[in-house]
Amino acid sequence: MDLQTAADEIGVYFGELMKQFLADKARLPSWGPCVDVDVARYVDALGHWVVGNLHWSFETQRYFGPDHRKVERTRLITLRQPEFP
């Protein structure tokens, strides 16, 4: 598959994982009020970790270089040809 198709597949897969996460979060059983509070806090932290990672990816130049703000706005990146010796 070409690069765009691979990126599209990853986007669909991530969407499926997020839907499953939210469905599972909604179905958590109860272990009693004290434990439920801690479990809810932990599960919320997992969701914040995913979102935080996305934000961090656009805050730094690690993945998108000096154009990271433009990429965040447009969601478009310019790829270069691999350099082989």
N, C-alpha and C. Protein backbone atom coordinates (compact mmCIF):
# COMPACT_ATOMS: atom_id res chain seq x y z
N MET A 1 0.86 -1.18 0.00
CA MET A 1 0.00 0.00 0.00
C MET A 1 0.89 1.22 0.00
N ASP A 2 0.39 2.31 -0.56
CA ASP A 2 1.18 3.53 -0.58
C ASP A 2 1.10 4.24 0.77
N LEU A 3 1.89 5.29 0.93
CA LEU A 3 2.01 5.98 2.21
C LEU A 3 0.68 6.59 2.66
N GLN A 4 -0.07 7.21 1.74
CA GLN A 4 -1.33 7.83 2.12
C GLN A 4 -2.34 6.79 2.59
N THR A 5 -2.38 5.67 1.90
CA THR A 5 -3.29 4.60 2.30
C THR A 5 -2.91 4.07 3.68
N ALA A 6 -1.62 3.93 3.94
CA ALA A 6 -1.16 3.48 5.26
C ALA A 6 -1.57 4.49 6.34
N ALA A 7 -1.39 5.77 6.07
CA ALA A 7 -1.78 6.80 7.05
C ALA A 7 -3.28 6.77 7.28
N ASP A 8 -4.05 6.60 6.23
CA ASP A 8 -5.51 6.50 6.37
C ASP A 8 -5.90 5.28 7.22
N GLU A 9 -5.24 4.16 6.99
CA GLU A 9 -5.52 2.94 7.75
C GLU A 9 -5.21 3.16 9.24
N ILE A 10 -4.11 3.81 9.53
CA ILE A 10 -3.75 4.09 10.92
C ILE A 10 -4.80 4.99 11.56
N GLY A 11 -5.28 5.98 10.82
CA GLY A 11 -6.33 6.87 11.34
C GLY A 11 -7.60 6.11 11.67
N VAL A 12 -8.00 5.20 10.80
CA VAL A 12 -9.19 4.38 11.06
C VAL A 12 -8.96 3.49 12.27
N TYR A 13 -7.79 2.88 12.34
CA TYR A 13 -7.47 1.99 13.46
C TYR A 13 -7.48 2.76 14.78
N PHE A 14 -6.87 3.94 14.80
CA PHE A 14 -6.87 4.76 16.01
C PHE A 14 -8.30 5.11 16.42
N GLY A 15 -9.14 5.45 15.46
CA GLY A 15 -10.54 5.75 15.75
C GLY A 15 -11.25 4.57 16.39
N GLU A 16 -10.97 3.37 15.88
CA GLU A 16 -11.57 2.16 16.44
C GLU A 16 -11.08 1.92 17.87
N LEU A 17 -9.78 2.13 18.09
CA LEU A 17 -9.24 1.96 19.44
C LEU A 17 -9.85 2.96 20.41
N MET A 18 -10.04 4.20 19.97
CA MET A 18 -10.61 5.21 20.84
C MET A 18 -12.07 4.89 21.17
N LYS A 19 -12.82 4.44 20.17
CA LYS A 19 -14.21 4.04 20.44
C LYS A 19 -14.26 2.89 21.45
N GLN A 20 -13.38 1.93 21.29
CA GLN A 20 -13.34 0.79 22.22
C GLN A 20 -12.95 1.25 23.62
N PHE A 21 -11.98 2.15 23.71
CA PHE A 21 -11.57 2.68 25.02
C PHE A 21 -12.75 3.36 25.71
N LEU A 22 -13.46 4.21 24.99
CA LEU A 22 -14.60 4.92 25.58
C LEU A 22 -15.73 3.96 25.96
N ALA A 23 -15.97 2.95 25.14
CA ALA A 23 -17.00 1.97 25.46
C ALA A 23 -16.61 1.18 26.71
N ASP A 24 -15.36 0.76 26.78
CA ASP A 24 -14.90 0.01 27.96
C ASP A 24 -14.92 0.88 29.21
N LYS A 25 -14.56 2.15 29.06
CA LYS A 25 -14.60 3.08 30.19
C LYS A 25 -16.03 3.20 30.74
N ALA A 26 -17.00 3.24 29.85
CA ALA A 26 -18.40 3.37 30.26
C ALA A 26 -18.91 2.09 30.93
N ARG A 27 -18.27 0.96 30.69
CA ARG A 27 -18.73 -0.33 31.22
C ARG A 27 -17.94 -0.80 32.43
N LEU A 28 -17.10 0.04 32.98
CA LEU A 28 -16.30 -0.41 34.13
C LEU A 28 -17.21 -0.85 35.27
N PRO A 29 -16.89 -1.98 35.88
CA PRO A 29 -17.70 -2.41 37.03
C PRO A 29 -17.36 -1.58 38.26
N SER A 30 -18.10 -1.76 39.29
CA SER A 30 -17.85 -1.06 40.54
C SER A 30 -17.15 -2.00 41.51
N TRP A 31 -16.14 -1.48 42.17
CA TRP A 31 -15.44 -2.21 43.23
C TRP A 31 -15.64 -1.53 44.58
N GLY A 32 -16.60 -0.64 44.62
CA GLY A 32 -16.86 0.12 45.85
C GLY A 32 -16.39 1.55 45.68
N PRO A 33 -16.96 2.48 46.43
CA PRO A 33 -16.69 3.90 46.25
C PRO A 33 -15.21 4.29 46.32
N CYS A 34 -14.47 3.72 47.26
CA CYS A 34 -13.05 4.10 47.40
C CYS A 34 -12.23 3.67 46.20
N VAL A 35 -12.42 2.44 45.76
CA VAL A 35 -11.66 1.92 44.62
C VAL A 35 -12.15 2.58 43.33
N ASP A 36 -13.44 2.78 43.18
CA ASP A 36 -13.99 3.38 41.96
C ASP A 36 -13.37 4.75 41.67
N VAL A 37 -13.15 5.54 42.71
CA VAL A 37 -12.55 6.87 42.52
C VAL A 37 -11.15 6.73 41.94
N ASP A 38 -10.36 5.82 42.50
CA ASP A 38 -8.99 5.63 42.00
C ASP A 38 -8.97 5.06 40.58
N VAL A 39 -9.86 4.12 40.30
CA VAL A 39 -9.93 3.54 38.96
C VAL A 39 -10.32 4.61 37.94
N ALA A 40 -11.31 5.43 38.29
CA ALA A 40 -11.75 6.51 37.39
C ALA A 40 -10.61 7.49 37.13
N ARG A 41 -9.87 7.82 38.17
CA ARG A 41 -8.73 8.74 38.01
C ARG A 41 -7.67 8.14 37.10
N TYR A 42 -7.39 6.85 37.27
CA TYR A 42 -6.39 6.18 36.44
C TYR A 42 -6.83 6.12 34.98
N VAL A 43 -8.08 5.74 34.74
CA VAL A 43 -8.58 5.64 33.36
C VAL A 43 -8.61 7.02 32.70
N ASP A 44 -9.00 8.06 33.44
CA ASP A 44 -8.95 9.42 32.89
C ASP A 44 -7.52 9.80 32.53
N ALA A 45 -6.56 9.42 33.37
CA ALA A 45 -5.16 9.72 33.08
C ALA A 45 -4.70 9.05 31.80
N LEU A 46 -5.18 7.83 31.54
CA LEU A 46 -4.82 7.16 30.28
C LEU A 46 -5.32 7.96 29.08
N GLY A 47 -6.55 8.46 29.16
CA GLY A 47 -7.09 9.28 28.08
C GLY A 47 -6.32 10.58 27.91
N HIS A 48 -5.95 11.21 29.02
CA HIS A 48 -5.18 12.46 28.96
C HIS A 48 -3.79 12.21 28.38
N TRP A 49 -3.22 11.04 28.65
CA TRP A 49 -1.89 10.72 28.13
C TRP A 49 -1.92 10.70 26.60
N VAL A 50 -2.94 10.10 26.01
CA VAL A 50 -3.04 10.03 24.55
C VAL A 50 -3.16 11.44 23.98
N VAL A 51 -4.05 12.24 24.53
CA VAL A 51 -4.25 13.60 24.03
C VAL A 51 -3.00 14.45 24.25
N GLY A 52 -2.39 14.29 25.42
CA GLY A 52 -1.16 15.04 25.72
C GLY A 52 -0.04 14.71 24.74
N ASN A 53 0.06 13.45 24.37
CA ASN A 53 1.08 13.06 23.40
C ASN A 53 0.85 13.73 22.05
N LEU A 54 -0.40 13.81 21.64
CA LEU A 54 -0.71 14.49 20.38
C LEU A 54 -0.33 15.97 20.46
N HIS A 55 -0.70 16.62 21.55
CA HIS A 55 -0.36 18.04 21.71
C HIS A 55 1.16 18.24 21.72
N TRP A 56 1.86 17.39 22.44
CA TRP A 56 3.31 17.50 22.52
C TRP A 56 3.94 17.34 21.13
N SER A 57 3.38 16.44 20.33
CA SER A 57 3.93 16.22 18.99
C SER A 57 3.88 17.48 18.14
N PHE A 58 2.90 18.34 18.38
CA PHE A 58 2.80 19.59 17.62
C PHE A 58 3.51 20.74 18.31
N GLU A 59 3.75 20.64 19.61
CA GLU A 59 4.43 21.72 20.34
C GLU A 59 5.92 21.75 20.04
N THR A 60 6.49 20.57 19.79
CA THR A 60 7.93 20.48 19.58
C THR A 60 8.22 20.35 18.08
N GLN A 61 9.49 20.44 17.76
CA GLN A 61 9.91 20.30 16.36
C GLN A 61 10.37 18.88 16.05
N ARG A 62 10.21 17.98 16.98
CA ARG A 62 10.72 16.62 16.82
C ARG A 62 10.20 15.93 15.57
N TYR A 63 8.91 16.00 15.31
CA TYR A 63 8.34 15.27 14.19
C TYR A 63 8.15 16.10 12.93
N PHE A 64 7.88 17.39 13.09
CA PHE A 64 7.52 18.21 11.94
C PHE A 64 8.47 19.37 11.70
N GLY A 65 9.56 19.44 12.44
CA GLY A 65 10.56 20.47 12.24
C GLY A 65 10.00 21.86 12.50
N PRO A 66 10.61 22.86 11.87
CA PRO A 66 10.20 24.24 12.12
C PRO A 66 8.78 24.56 11.63
N ASP A 67 8.20 23.68 10.84
CA ASP A 67 6.83 23.90 10.34
C ASP A 67 5.77 23.27 11.25
N HIS A 68 6.14 22.91 12.47
CA HIS A 68 5.22 22.17 13.33
C HIS A 68 3.90 22.90 13.57
N ARG A 69 3.91 24.22 13.67
CA ARG A 69 2.66 24.96 13.87
C ARG A 69 1.78 24.91 12.61
N LYS A 70 2.42 25.03 11.45
CA LYS A 70 1.67 24.96 10.19
C LYS A 70 1.06 23.57 10.02
N VAL A 71 1.82 22.54 10.34
CA VAL A 71 1.31 21.17 10.24
C VAL A 71 0.14 20.98 11.20
N GLU A 72 0.23 21.56 12.39
CA GLU A 72 -0.87 21.45 13.34
C GLU A 72 -2.15 22.08 12.78
N ARG A 73 -2.00 23.23 12.13
CA ARG A 73 -3.16 23.93 11.55
C ARG A 73 -3.73 23.20 10.35
N THR A 74 -2.87 22.80 9.44
CA THR A 74 -3.31 22.27 8.15
C THR A 74 -3.43 20.75 8.12
N ARG A 75 -2.70 20.08 9.01
CA ARG A 75 -2.61 18.61 9.02
C ARG A 75 -1.98 18.07 7.74
N LEU A 76 -1.18 18.90 7.08
CA LEU A 76 -0.47 18.50 5.86
C LEU A 76 1.02 18.52 6.11
N ILE A 77 1.71 17.49 5.64
CA ILE A 77 3.16 17.47 5.75
C ILE A 77 3.76 17.21 4.37
N THR A 78 4.97 17.71 4.19
CA THR A 78 5.69 17.47 2.95
C THR A 78 6.77 16.44 3.24
N LEU A 79 6.75 15.36 2.52
CA LEU A 79 7.73 14.30 2.71
C LEU A 79 8.86 14.48 1.72
N ARG A 80 10.03 14.07 2.13
CA ARG A 80 11.17 14.10 1.21
C ARG A 80 11.54 12.67 0.86
N GLN A 81 12.22 12.52 -0.23
CA GLN A 81 12.66 11.20 -0.66
C GLN A 81 13.70 10.66 0.34
N PRO A 82 13.66 9.38 0.61
CA PRO A 82 14.69 8.80 1.49
C PRO A 82 16.07 8.98 0.85
N GLU A 83 17.05 9.18 1.70
CA GLU A 83 18.43 9.33 1.20
C GLU A 83 19.15 8.02 1.39
N PHE A 84 19.53 7.39 0.27
CA PHE A 84 20.25 6.14 0.32
C PHE A 84 21.65 6.37 -0.25
N PRO A 85 22.65 5.75 0.36
CA PRO A 85 24.03 5.90 -0.17
C PRO A 85 24.21 5.22 -1.51
